[in-house]
Amino acid sequence: MSDKTLYDFENENMEDYELIERKAFRKAVELNDKLIDAKTILEEITYDWDEYIKFLEDERISKYCEFKCQETIDFDEELLNAIAHTLKQSLNNTNKAIAYNSKKIKINRVIDG
């Protein structure tokens, strides 16, 4: 198996390849670009997530502060639960949507059989 990537073929004259090969290449480039965009967005979300957790702790809103025997501010319990529930559900849905392992298995089957 070659160690070449899509980038190795970008400047290559694709006219020597069959139509189906060029089409597969173009689709792979588009998919790869979207994956790079998704990675960037996920990195931004990770940063924002960390900032949000830090905010909750700094403002003494989190149950974690309570767990550490630190004083917490009065905060509507129903609202706090709604925030936590919604963020957990969104995180879980995002994780399911990515389904990294199943996609990795599928691409390995395409290559390795």
PDB file of N, CA and C in Angstrom:
ATOM      1  N   MET A   1       0.838  -1.181   0.000  1.00  0.00           N
ATOM      2  CA  MET A   1       0.000   0.000   0.000  1.00  0.00           C
ATOM      3  C   MET A   1       0.884   1.245   0.000  1.00  0.00           C
ATOM      4  N   SER A   2       0.513   2.211  -0.785  1.00  0.00           N
ATOM      5  CA  SER A   2       1.275   3.447  -0.931  1.00  0.00           C
ATOM      6  C   SER A   2       1.076   4.359   0.275  1.00  0.00           C
ATOM      7  N   ASP A   3       2.088   5.156   0.569  1.00  0.00           N
ATOM      8  CA  ASP A   3       1.983   6.136   1.644  1.00  0.00           C
ATOM      9  C   ASP A   3       1.547   7.496   1.116  1.00  0.00           C
ATOM     10  N   LYS A   4       1.172   7.553  -0.149  1.00  0.00           N
ATOM     11  CA  LYS A   4       0.735   8.815  -0.740  1.00  0.00           C
ATOM     12  C   LYS A   4      -0.606   9.238  -0.156  1.00  0.00           C
ATOM     13  N   THR A   5      -0.831  10.535  -0.175  1.00  0.00           N
ATOM     14  CA  THR A   5      -2.107  11.100   0.271  1.00  0.00           C
ATOM     15  C   THR A   5      -2.744  11.846  -0.887  1.00  0.00           C
ATOM     16  N   LEU A   6      -3.921  12.366  -0.662  1.00  0.00           N
ATOM     17  CA  LEU A   6      -4.596  13.167  -1.691  1.00  0.00           C
ATOM     18  C   LEU A   6      -3.727  14.342  -2.123  1.00  0.00           C
ATOM     19  N   TYR A   7      -3.002  14.889  -1.174  1.00  0.00           N
ATOM     20  CA  TYR A   7      -2.172  16.061  -1.462  1.00  0.00           C
ATOM     21  C   TYR A   7      -1.081  15.748  -2.477  1.00  0.00           C
ATOM     22  N   ASP A   8      -0.626  14.505  -2.505  1.00  0.00           N
ATOM     23  CA  ASP A   8       0.409  14.110  -3.464  1.00  0.00           C
ATOM     24  C   ASP A   8      -0.116  14.115  -4.900  1.00  0.00           C
ATOM     25  N   PHE A   9      -1.420  14.017  -5.057  1.00  0.00           N
ATOM     26  CA  PHE A   9      -2.022  13.955  -6.381  1.00  0.00           C
ATOM     27  C   PHE A   9      -2.607  15.291  -6.839  1.00  0.00           C
ATOM     28  N   GLU A  10      -2.649  16.269  -5.954  1.00  0.00           N
ATOM     29  CA  GLU A  10      -3.305  17.543  -6.282  1.00  0.00           C
ATOM     30  C   GLU A  10      -2.691  18.246  -7.495  1.00  0.00           C
ATOM     31  N   ASN A  11      -1.396  18.223  -7.603  1.00  0.00           N
ATOM     32  CA  ASN A  11      -0.737  18.923  -8.708  1.00  0.00           C
ATOM     33  C   ASN A  11      -0.458  18.005  -9.895  1.00  0.00           C
ATOM     34  N   GLU A  12      -0.909  16.788  -9.799  1.00  0.00           N
ATOM     35  CA  GLU A  12      -0.676  15.816 -10.860  1.00  0.00           C
ATOM     36  C   GLU A  12      -1.716  16.001 -11.964  1.00  0.00           C
ATOM     37  N   ASN A  13      -1.312  15.728 -13.193  1.00  0.00           N
ATOM     38  CA  ASN A  13      -2.241  15.790 -14.310  1.00  0.00           C
ATOM     39  C   ASN A  13      -3.175  14.584 -14.217  1.00  0.00           C
ATOM     40  N   MET A  14      -4.444  14.847 -13.945  1.00  0.00           N
ATOM     41  CA  MET A  14      -5.409  13.771 -13.745  1.00  0.00           C
ATOM     42  C   MET A  14      -5.971  13.239 -15.065  1.00  0.00           C
ATOM     43  N   GLU A  15      -5.565  13.821 -16.185  1.00  0.00           N
ATOM     44  CA  GLU A  15      -6.065  13.372 -17.493  1.00  0.00           C
ATOM     45  C   GLU A  15      -5.671  11.929 -17.797  1.00  0.00           C
ATOM     46  N   ASP A  16      -4.607  11.441 -17.181  1.00  0.00           N
ATOM     47  CA  ASP A  16      -4.157  10.069 -17.419  1.00  0.00           C
ATOM     48  C   ASP A  16      -5.016   9.041 -16.679  1.00  0.00           C
ATOM     49  N   TYR A  17      -5.896   9.506 -15.810  1.00  0.00           N
ATOM     50  CA  TYR A  17      -6.737   8.612 -15.031  1.00  0.00           C
ATOM     51  C   TYR A  17      -8.107   8.462 -15.685  1.00  0.00           C
ATOM     52  N   GLU A  18      -8.745   7.355 -15.423  1.00  0.00           N
ATOM     53  CA  GLU A  18     -10.089   7.101 -15.938  1.00  0.00           C
ATOM     54  C   GLU A  18     -11.066   8.081 -15.288  1.00  0.00           C
ATOM     55  N   LEU A  19     -12.193   8.285 -15.929  1.00  0.00           N
ATOM     56  CA  LEU A  19     -13.219   9.196 -15.428  1.00  0.00           C
ATOM     57  C   LEU A  19     -13.651   8.828 -14.010  1.00  0.00           C
ATOM     58  N   ILE A  20     -13.856   7.545 -13.753  1.00  0.00           N
ATOM     59  CA  ILE A  20     -14.292   7.105 -12.427  1.00  0.00           C
ATOM     60  C   ILE A  20     -13.221   7.389 -11.376  1.00  0.00           C
ATOM     61  N   GLU A  21     -11.967   7.290 -11.754  1.00  0.00           N
ATOM     62  CA  GLU A  21     -10.869   7.583 -10.826  1.00  0.00           C
ATOM     63  C   GLU A  21     -10.821   9.077 -10.501  1.00  0.00           C
ATOM     64  N   ARG A  22     -11.020   9.900 -11.511  1.00  0.00           N
ATOM     65  CA  ARG A  22     -11.038  11.355 -11.282  1.00  0.00           C
ATOM     66  C   ARG A  22     -12.225  11.757 -10.408  1.00  0.00           C
ATOM     67  N   LYS A  23     -13.361  11.109 -10.669  1.00  0.00           N
ATOM     68  CA  LYS A  23     -14.562  11.405  -9.894  1.00  0.00           C
ATOM     69  C   LYS A  23     -14.365  10.991  -8.430  1.00  0.00           C
ATOM     70  N   ALA A  24     -13.797   9.818  -8.202  1.00  0.00           N
ATOM     71  CA  ALA A  24     -13.521   9.351  -6.830  1.00  0.00           C
ATOM     72  C   ALA A  24     -12.542  10.291  -6.143  1.00  0.00           C
ATOM     73  N   PHE A  25     -11.551  10.765  -6.875  1.00  0.00           N
ATOM     74  CA  PHE A  25     -10.563  11.698  -6.318  1.00  0.00           C
ATOM     75  C   PHE A  25     -11.240  13.001  -5.898  1.00  0.00           C
ATOM     76  N   ARG A  26     -12.051  13.572  -6.797  1.00  0.00           N
ATOM     77  CA  ARG A  26     -12.736  14.836  -6.495  1.00  0.00           C
ATOM     78  C   ARG A  26     -13.640  14.696  -5.268  1.00  0.00           C
ATOM     79  N   LYS A  27     -14.382  13.597  -5.198  1.00  0.00           N
ATOM     80  CA  LYS A  27     -15.276  13.377  -4.054  1.00  0.00           C
ATOM     81  C   LYS A  27     -14.467  13.215  -2.762  1.00  0.00           C
ATOM     82  N   ALA A  28     -13.334  12.544  -2.852  1.00  0.00           N
ATOM     83  CA  ALA A  28     -12.477  12.365  -1.674  1.00  0.00           C
ATOM     84  C   ALA A  28     -11.916  13.707  -1.208  1.00  0.00           C
ATOM     85  N   VAL A  29     -11.534  14.564  -2.146  1.00  0.00           N
ATOM     86  CA  VAL A  29     -11.018  15.892  -1.794  1.00  0.00           C
ATOM     87  C   VAL A  29     -12.099  16.706  -1.100  1.00  0.00           C
ATOM     88  N   GLU A  30     -13.325  16.666  -1.634  1.00  0.00           N
ATOM     89  CA  GLU A  30     -14.437  17.395  -1.015  1.00  0.00           C
ATOM     90  C   GLU A  30     -14.707  16.885   0.400  1.00  0.00           C
ATOM     91  N   LEU A  31     -14.729  15.566   0.557  1.00  0.00           N
ATOM     92  CA  LEU A  31     -14.959  14.985   1.873  1.00  0.00           C
ATOM     93  C   LEU A  31     -13.836  15.347   2.835  1.00  0.00           C
ATOM     94  N   ASN A  32     -12.612  15.277   2.367  1.00  0.00           N
ATOM     95  CA  ASN A  32     -11.468  15.618   3.202  1.00  0.00           C
ATOM     96  C   ASN A  32     -11.528  17.083   3.651  1.00  0.00           C
ATOM     97  N   ASP A  33     -11.916  17.969   2.745  1.00  0.00           N
ATOM     98  CA  ASP A  33     -12.056  19.384   3.114  1.00  0.00           C
ATOM     99  C   ASP A  33     -13.105  19.565   4.210  1.00  0.00           C
ATOM    100  N   LYS A  34     -14.219  18.839   4.091  1.00  0.00           N
ATOM    101  CA  LYS A  34     -15.263  18.930   5.117  1.00  0.00           C
ATOM    102  C   LYS A  34     -14.767  18.379   6.455  1.00  0.00           C
ATOM    103  N   LEU A  35     -13.994  17.297   6.408  1.00  0.00           N
ATOM    104  CA  LEU A  35     -13.441  16.744   7.647  1.00  0.00           C
ATOM    105  C   LEU A  35     -12.487  17.725   8.314  1.00  0.00           C
ATOM    106  N   ILE A  36     -11.703  18.420   7.515  1.00  0.00           N
ATOM    107  CA  ILE A  36     -10.793  19.430   8.073  1.00  0.00           C
ATOM    108  C   ILE A  36     -11.600  20.563   8.701  1.00  0.00           C
ATOM    109  N   ASP A  37     -12.688  20.987   8.024  1.00  0.00           N
ATOM    110  CA  ASP A  37     -13.559  22.022   8.585  1.00  0.00           C
ATOM    111  C   ASP A  37     -14.178  21.549   9.898  1.00  0.00           C
ATOM    112  N   ALA A  38     -14.634  20.287   9.924  1.00  0.00           N
ATOM    113  CA  ALA A  38     -15.244  19.737  11.135  1.00  0.00           C
ATOM    114  C   ALA A  38     -14.229  19.697  12.274  1.00  0.00           C
ATOM    115  N   LYS A  39     -13.000  19.312  11.968  1.00  0.00           N
ATOM    116  CA  LYS A  39     -11.945  19.272  12.987  1.00  0.00           C
ATOM    117  C   LYS A  39     -11.741  20.658  13.595  1.00  0.00           C
ATOM    118  N   THR A  40     -11.717  21.667  12.737  1.00  0.00           N
ATOM    119  CA  THR A  40     -11.545  23.039  13.201  1.00  0.00           C
ATOM    120  C   THR A  40     -12.704  23.452  14.105  1.00  0.00           C
ATOM    121  N   ILE A  41     -13.911  23.136  13.688  1.00  0.00           N
ATOM    122  CA  ILE A  41     -15.083  23.477  14.494  1.00  0.00           C
ATOM    123  C   ILE A  41     -15.045  22.746  15.830  1.00  0.00           C
ATOM    124  N   LEU A  42     -14.674  21.464  15.811  1.00  0.00           N
ATOM    125  CA  LEU A  42     -14.599  20.696  17.058  1.00  0.00           C
ATOM    126  C   LEU A  42     -13.533  21.252  17.993  1.00  0.00           C
ATOM    127  N   GLU A  43     -12.427  21.717  17.436  1.00  0.00           N
ATOM    128  CA  GLU A  43     -11.397  22.343  18.269  1.00  0.00           C
ATOM    129  C   GLU A  43     -11.925  23.624  18.911  1.00  0.00           C
ATOM    130  N   GLU A  44     -12.697  24.403  18.143  1.00  0.00           N
ATOM    131  CA  GLU A  44     -13.292  25.624  18.684  1.00  0.00           C
ATOM    132  C   GLU A  44     -14.303  25.296  19.774  1.00  0.00           C
ATOM    133  N   ILE A  45     -15.095  24.255  19.555  1.00  0.00           N
ATOM    134  CA  ILE A  45     -16.080  23.842  20.554  1.00  0.00           C
ATOM    135  C   ILE A  45     -15.377  23.384  21.831  1.00  0.00           C
ATOM    136  N   THR A  46     -14.282  22.650  21.692  1.00  0.00           N
ATOM    137  CA  THR A  46     -13.526  22.196  22.854  1.00  0.00           C
ATOM    138  C   THR A  46     -13.028  23.382  23.659  1.00  0.00           C
ATOM    139  N   TYR A  47     -12.512  24.393  22.961  1.00  0.00           N
ATOM    140  CA  TYR A  47     -12.052  25.607  23.643  1.00  0.00           C
ATOM    141  C   TYR A  47     -13.224  26.293  24.346  1.00  0.00           C
ATOM    142  N   ASP A  48     -14.342  26.459  23.628  1.00  0.00           N
ATOM    143  CA  ASP A  48     -15.516  27.115  24.214  1.00  0.00           C
ATOM    144  C   ASP A  48     -16.069  26.318  25.391  1.00  0.00           C
ATOM    145  N   TRP A  49     -16.038  25.000  25.266  1.00  0.00           N
ATOM    146  CA  TRP A  49     -16.504  24.138  26.356  1.00  0.00           C
ATOM    147  C   TRP A  49     -15.656  24.369  27.609  1.00  0.00           C
ATOM    148  N   ASP A  50     -14.345  24.368  27.434  1.00  0.00           N
ATOM    149  CA  ASP A  50     -13.437  24.617  28.555  1.00  0.00           C
ATOM    150  C   ASP A  50     -13.683  25.986  29.177  1.00  0.00           C
ATOM    151  N   GLU A  51     -13.905  26.976  28.332  1.00  0.00           N
ATOM    152  CA  GLU A  51     -14.186  28.332  28.821  1.00  0.00           C
ATOM    153  C   GLU A  51     -15.495  28.372  29.602  1.00  0.00           C
ATOM    154  N   TYR A  52     -16.492  27.654  29.130  1.00  0.00           N
ATOM    155  CA  TYR A  52     -17.785  27.630  29.816  1.00  0.00           C
ATOM    156  C   TYR A  52     -17.661  26.966  31.186  1.00  0.00           C
ATOM    157  N   ILE A  53     -16.961  25.853  31.256  1.00  0.00           N
ATOM    158  CA  ILE A  53     -16.760  25.162  32.529  1.00  0.00           C
ATOM    159  C   ILE A  53     -16.009  26.073  33.501  1.00  0.00           C
ATOM    160  N   LYS A  54     -14.980  26.755  32.993  1.00  0.00           N
ATOM    161  CA  LYS A  54     -14.210  27.686  33.827  1.00  0.00           C
ATOM    162  C   LYS A  54     -15.122  28.816  34.342  1.00  0.00           C
ATOM    163  N   PHE A  55     -15.984  29.318  33.463  1.00  0.00           N
ATOM    164  CA  PHE A  55     -16.940  30.355  33.850  1.00  0.00           C
ATOM    165  C   PHE A  55     -17.844  29.860  34.979  1.00  0.00           C
ATOM    166  N   LEU A  56     -18.392  28.650  34.822  1.00  0.00           N
ATOM    167  CA  LEU A  56     -19.278  28.101  35.852  1.00  0.00           C
ATOM    168  C   LEU A  56     -18.560  27.974  37.194  1.00  0.00           C
ATOM    169  N   GLU A  57     -17.322  27.525  37.133  1.00  0.00           N
ATOM    170  CA  GLU A  57     -16.554  27.365  38.371  1.00  0.00           C
ATOM    171  C   GLU A  57     -16.164  28.713  38.964  1.00  0.00           C
ATOM    172  N   ASP A  58     -15.727  29.650  38.123  1.00  0.00           N
ATOM    173  CA  ASP A  58     -15.344  30.978  38.619  1.00  0.00           C
ATOM    174  C   ASP A  58     -16.526  31.706  39.260  1.00  0.00           C
ATOM    175  N   GLU A  59     -17.698  31.519  38.694  1.00  0.00           N
ATOM    176  CA  GLU A  59     -18.891  32.185  39.209  1.00  0.00           C
ATOM    177  C   GLU A  59     -19.584  31.366  40.293  1.00  0.00           C
ATOM    178  N   ARG A  60     -18.983  30.223  40.627  1.00  0.00           N
ATOM    179  CA  ARG A  60     -19.507  29.335  41.677  1.00  0.00           C
ATOM    180  C   ARG A  60     -20.918  28.843  41.350  1.00  0.00           C
ATOM    181  N   ILE A  61     -21.134  28.487  40.095  1.00  0.00           N
ATOM    182  CA  ILE A  61     -22.432  27.990  39.653  1.00  0.00           C
ATOM    183  C   ILE A  61     -22.457  26.462  39.610  1.00  0.00           C
ATOM    184  N   SER A  62     -21.321  25.847  39.504  1.00  0.00           N
ATOM    185  CA  SER A  62     -21.303  24.413  39.223  1.00  0.00           C
ATOM    186  C   SER A  62     -21.478  23.530  40.441  1.00  0.00           C
ATOM    187  N   LYS A  63     -22.024  22.356  40.207  1.00  0.00           N
ATOM    188  CA  LYS A  63     -22.135  21.325  41.245  1.00  0.00           C
ATOM    189  C   LYS A  63     -20.740  20.853  41.651  1.00  0.00           C
ATOM    190  N   TYR A  64     -19.780  20.988  40.764  1.00  0.00           N
ATOM    191  CA  TYR A  64     -18.397  20.607  41.065  1.00  0.00           C
ATOM    192  C   TYR A  64     -17.864  21.421  42.229  1.00  0.00           C
ATOM    193  N   CYS A  65     -18.203  22.700  42.255  1.00  0.00           N
ATOM    194  CA  CYS A  65     -17.783  23.549  43.378  1.00  0.00           C
ATOM    195  C   CYS A  65     -18.402  23.040  44.677  1.00  0.00           C
ATOM    196  N   GLU A  66     -19.662  22.658  44.583  1.00  0.00           N
ATOM    197  CA  GLU A  66     -20.350  22.114  45.755  1.00  0.00           C
ATOM    198  C   GLU A  66     -19.658  20.830  46.217  1.00  0.00           C
ATOM    199  N   PHE A  67     -19.299  19.988  45.271  1.00  0.00           N
ATOM    200  CA  PHE A  67     -18.602  18.734  45.559  1.00  0.00           C
ATOM    201  C   PHE A  67     -17.276  19.000  46.274  1.00  0.00           C
ATOM    202  N   LYS A  68     -16.588  20.081  45.886  1.00  0.00           N
ATOM    203  CA  LYS A  68     -15.305  20.432  46.503  1.00  0.00           C
ATOM    204  C   LYS A  68     -15.492  21.212  47.802  1.00  0.00           C
ATOM    205  N   CYS A  69     -16.744  21.220  48.285  1.00  0.00           N
ATOM    206  CA  CYS A  69     -17.096  21.919  49.532  1.00  0.00           C
ATOM    207  C   CYS A  69     -16.850  23.418  49.442  1.00  0.00           C
ATOM    208  N   GLN A  70     -16.984  23.951  48.257  1.00  0.00           N
ATOM    209  CA  GLN A  70     -16.888  25.391  48.081  1.00  0.00           C
ATOM    210  C   GLN A  70     -18.304  25.951  48.056  1.00  0.00           C
ATOM    211  N   GLU A  71     -18.422  27.172  48.481  1.00  0.00           N
ATOM    212  CA  GLU A  71     -19.725  27.810  48.495  1.00  0.00           C
ATOM    213  C   GLU A  71     -20.167  28.103  47.062  1.00  0.00           C
ATOM    214  N   THR A  72     -21.436  27.877  46.791  1.00  0.00           N
ATOM    215  CA  THR A  72     -21.969  28.189  45.462  1.00  0.00           C
ATOM    216  C   THR A  72     -23.009  29.293  45.591  1.00  0.00           C
ATOM    217  N   ILE A  73     -23.243  29.990  44.509  1.00  0.00           N
ATOM    218  CA  ILE A  73     -24.235  31.062  44.523  1.00  0.00           C
ATOM    219  C   ILE A  73     -25.635  30.468  44.372  1.00  0.00           C
ATOM    220  N   ASP A  74     -26.646  31.270  44.696  1.00  0.00           N
ATOM    221  CA  ASP A  74     -28.019  30.848  44.444  1.00  0.00           C
ATOM    222  C   ASP A  74     -28.243  30.874  42.943  1.00  0.00           C
ATOM    223  N   PHE A  75     -28.665  29.758  42.424  1.00  0.00           N
ATOM    224  CA  PHE A  75     -28.907  29.632  40.988  1.00  0.00           C
ATOM    225  C   PHE A  75     -30.102  28.719  40.820  1.00  0.00           C
ATOM    226  N   ASP A  76     -31.027  29.106  39.990  1.00  0.00           N
ATOM    227  CA  ASP A  76     -32.238  28.324  39.785  1.00  0.00           C
ATOM    228  C   ASP A  76     -31.885  26.883  39.409  1.00  0.00           C
ATOM    229  N   GLU A  77     -32.285  25.948  40.247  1.00  0.00           N
ATOM    230  CA  GLU A  77     -31.943  24.535  40.068  1.00  0.00           C
ATOM    231  C   GLU A  77     -32.528  23.971  38.767  1.00  0.00           C
ATOM    232  N   GLU A  78     -33.749  24.373  38.463  1.00  0.00           N
ATOM    233  CA  GLU A  78     -34.397  23.881  37.235  1.00  0.00           C
ATOM    234  C   GLU A  78     -33.641  24.369  35.990  1.00  0.00           C
ATOM    235  N   LEU A  79     -33.224  25.631  36.019  1.00  0.00           N
ATOM    236  CA  LEU A  79     -32.452  26.181  34.900  1.00  0.00           C
ATOM    237  C   LEU A  79     -31.098  25.481  34.795  1.00  0.00           C
ATOM    238  N   LEU A  80     -30.428  25.275  35.917  1.00  0.00           N
ATOM    239  CA  LEU A  80     -29.134  24.597  35.907  1.00  0.00           C
ATOM    240  C   LEU A  80     -29.265  23.179  35.348  1.00  0.00           C
ATOM    241  N   ASN A  81     -30.313  22.476  35.756  1.00  0.00           N
ATOM    242  CA  ASN A  81     -30.544  21.124  35.245  1.00  0.00           C
ATOM    243  C   ASN A  81     -30.860  21.143  33.751  1.00  0.00           C
ATOM    244  N   ALA A  82     -31.620  22.131  33.309  1.00  0.00           N
ATOM    245  CA  ALA A  82     -31.947  22.246  31.882  1.00  0.00           C
ATOM    246  C   ALA A  82     -30.685  22.505  31.061  1.00  0.00           C
ATOM    247  N   ILE A  83     -29.814  23.377  31.567  1.00  0.00           N
ATOM    248  CA  ILE A  83     -28.551  23.655  30.885  1.00  0.00           C
ATOM    249  C   ILE A  83     -27.723  22.385  30.787  1.00  0.00           C
ATOM    250  N   ALA A  84     -27.551  21.715  31.920  1.00  0.00           N
ATOM    251  CA  ALA A  84     -26.724  20.504  31.951  1.00  0.00           C
ATOM    252  C   ALA A  84     -27.315  19.418  31.067  1.00  0.00           C
ATOM    253  N   HIS A  85     -28.620  19.210  31.146  1.00  0.00           N
ATOM    254  CA  HIS A  85     -29.275  18.172  30.351  1.00  0.00           C
ATOM    255  C   HIS A  85     -29.124  18.440  28.851  1.00  0.00           C
ATOM    256  N   THR A  86     -29.369  19.681  28.456  1.00  0.00           N
ATOM    257  CA  THR A  86     -29.288  20.037  27.042  1.00  0.00           C
ATOM    258  C   THR A  86     -27.869  19.885  26.507  1.00  0.00           C
ATOM    259  N   LEU A  87     -26.878  20.367  27.265  1.00  0.00           N
ATOM    260  CA  LEU A  87     -25.489  20.255  26.816  1.00  0.00           C
ATOM    261  C   LEU A  87     -25.041  18.797  26.755  1.00  0.00           C
ATOM    262  N   LYS A  88     -25.438  17.995  27.742  1.00  0.00           N
ATOM    263  CA  LYS A  88     -25.085  16.570  27.713  1.00  0.00           C
ATOM    264  C   LYS A  88     -25.714  15.883  26.509  1.00  0.00           C
ATOM    265  N   GLN A  89     -26.983  16.198  26.246  1.00  0.00           N
ATOM    266  CA  GLN A  89     -27.684  15.589  25.110  1.00  0.00           C
ATOM    267  C   GLN A  89     -27.046  16.008  23.788  1.00  0.00           C
ATOM    268  N   SER A  90     -26.715  17.282  23.653  1.00  0.00           N
ATOM    269  CA  SER A  90     -26.078  17.769  22.422  1.00  0.00           C
ATOM    270  C   SER A  90     -24.707  17.131  22.223  1.00  0.00           C
ATOM    271  N   LEU A  91     -23.965  17.008  23.311  1.00  0.00           N
ATOM    272  CA  LEU A  91     -22.653  16.375  23.237  1.00  0.00           C
ATOM    273  C   LEU A  91     -22.787  14.905  22.831  1.00  0.00           C
ATOM    274  N   ASN A  92     -23.752  14.223  23.413  1.00  0.00           N
ATOM    275  CA  ASN A  92     -24.005  12.827  23.085  1.00  0.00           C
ATOM    276  C   ASN A  92     -24.432  12.675  21.620  1.00  0.00           C
ATOM    277  N   ASN A  93     -25.320  13.552  21.151  1.00  0.00           N
ATOM    278  CA  ASN A  93     -25.776  13.507  19.756  1.00  0.00           C
ATOM    279  C   ASN A  93     -24.637  13.784  18.786  1.00  0.00           C
ATOM    280  N   THR A  94     -23.768  14.719  19.156  1.00  0.00           N
ATOM    281  CA  THR A  94     -22.614  15.028  18.317  1.00  0.00           C
ATOM    282  C   THR A  94     -21.691  13.825  18.236  1.00  0.00           C
ATOM    283  N   ASN A  95     -21.453  13.201  19.365  1.00  0.00           N
ATOM    284  CA  ASN A  95     -20.604  12.015  19.404  1.00  0.00           C
ATOM    285  C   ASN A  95     -21.173  10.912  18.518  1.00  0.00           C
ATOM    286  N   LYS A  96     -22.480  10.705  18.586  1.00  0.00           N
ATOM    287  CA  LYS A  96     -23.124   9.695  17.741  1.00  0.00           C
ATOM    288  C   LYS A  96     -23.027  10.068  16.263  1.00  0.00           C
ATOM    289  N   ALA A  97     -23.186  11.344  15.955  1.00  0.00           N
ATOM    290  CA  ALA A  97     -23.140  11.789  14.557  1.00  0.00           C
ATOM    291  C   ALA A  97     -21.762  11.576  13.958  1.00  0.00           C
ATOM    292  N   ILE A  98     -20.741  11.766  14.763  1.00  0.00           N
ATOM    293  CA  ILE A  98     -19.383  11.575  14.265  1.00  0.00           C
ATOM    294  C   ILE A  98     -19.145  10.099  13.970  1.00  0.00           C
ATOM    295  N   ALA A  99     -19.568   9.226  14.863  1.00  0.00           N
ATOM    296  CA  ALA A  99     -19.461   7.769  14.697  1.00  0.00           C
ATOM    297  C   ALA A  99     -18.124   7.386  14.070  1.00  0.00           C
ATOM    298  N   TYR A 100     -17.074   7.912  14.648  1.00  0.00           N
ATOM    299  CA  TYR A 100     -15.721   7.738  14.116  1.00  0.00           C
ATOM    300  C   TYR A 100     -15.361   6.281  13.873  1.00  0.00           C
ATOM    301  N   ASN A 101     -15.605   5.425  14.845  1.00  0.00           N
ATOM    302  CA  ASN A 101     -15.160   4.039  14.726  1.00  0.00           C
ATOM    303  C   ASN A 101     -15.830   3.306  13.572  1.00  0.00           C
ATOM    304  N   SER A 102     -17.134   3.502  13.391  1.00  0.00           N
ATOM    305  CA  SER A 102     -17.807   2.791  12.299  1.00  0.00           C
ATOM    306  C   SER A 102     -17.337   3.285  10.941  1.00  0.00           C
ATOM    307  N   LYS A 103     -17.055   4.581  10.830  1.00  0.00           N
ATOM    308  CA  LYS A 103     -16.548   5.108   9.557  1.00  0.00           C
ATOM    309  C   LYS A 103     -15.135   4.598   9.287  1.00  0.00           C
ATOM    310  N   LYS A 104     -14.338   4.497  10.329  1.00  0.00           N
ATOM    311  CA  LYS A 104     -12.974   3.989  10.180  1.00  0.00           C
ATOM    312  C   LYS A 104     -13.012   2.521   9.742  1.00  0.00           C
ATOM    313  N   ILE A 105     -13.893   1.747  10.331  1.00  0.00           N
ATOM    314  CA  ILE A 105     -14.036   0.336   9.954  1.00  0.00           C
ATOM    315  C   ILE A 105     -14.463   0.226   8.492  1.00  0.00           C
ATOM    316  N   LYS A 106     -15.417   1.051   8.075  1.00  0.00           N
ATOM    317  CA  LYS A 106     -15.910   1.000   6.694  1.00  0.00           C
ATOM    318  C   LYS A 106     -14.811   1.347   5.694  1.00  0.00           C
ATOM    319  N   ILE A 107     -14.026   2.381   5.968  1.00  0.00           N
ATOM    320  CA  ILE A 107     -12.972   2.761   5.018  1.00  0.00           C
ATOM    321  C   ILE A 107     -11.885   1.693   4.991  1.00  0.00           C
ATOM    322  N   ASN A 108     -11.622   1.078   6.121  1.00  0.00           N
ATOM    323  CA  ASN A 108     -10.632  -0.025   6.133  1.00  0.00           C
ATOM    324  C   ASN A 108     -11.127  -1.199   5.299  1.00  0.00           C
ATOM    325  N   ARG A 109     -12.427  -1.464   5.329  1.00  0.00           N
ATOM    326  CA  ARG A 109     -12.986  -2.559   4.521  1.00  0.00           C
ATOM    327  C   ARG A 109     -12.873  -2.256   3.033  1.00  0.00           C
ATOM    328  N   VAL A 110     -13.023  -1.000   2.671  1.00  0.00           N
ATOM    329  CA  VAL A 110     -12.892  -0.603   1.261  1.00  0.00           C
ATOM    330  C   VAL A 110     -11.463  -0.878   0.781  1.00  0.00           C
ATOM    331  N   ILE A 111     -10.504  -0.581   1.620  1.00  0.00           N
ATOM    332  CA  ILE A 111      -9.092  -0.729   1.244  1.00  0.00           C
ATOM    333  C   ILE A 111      -8.601  -2.159   1.405  1.00  0.00           C
ATOM    334  N   ASP A 112      -8.874  -2.741   2.573  1.00  0.00           N
ATOM    335  CA  ASP A 112      -8.307  -4.049   2.902  1.00  0.00           C
ATOM    336  C   ASP A 112      -9.201  -5.223   2.535  1.00  0.00           C
ATOM    337  N   GLY A 113     -10.466  -4.955   2.276  1.00  0.00           N
ATOM    338  CA  GLY A 113     -11.383  -6.034   1.897  1.00  0.00           C
ATOM    339  C   GLY A 113     -12.023  -6.715   3.049  1.00  0.00           C
TER     340      GLY A 113
END
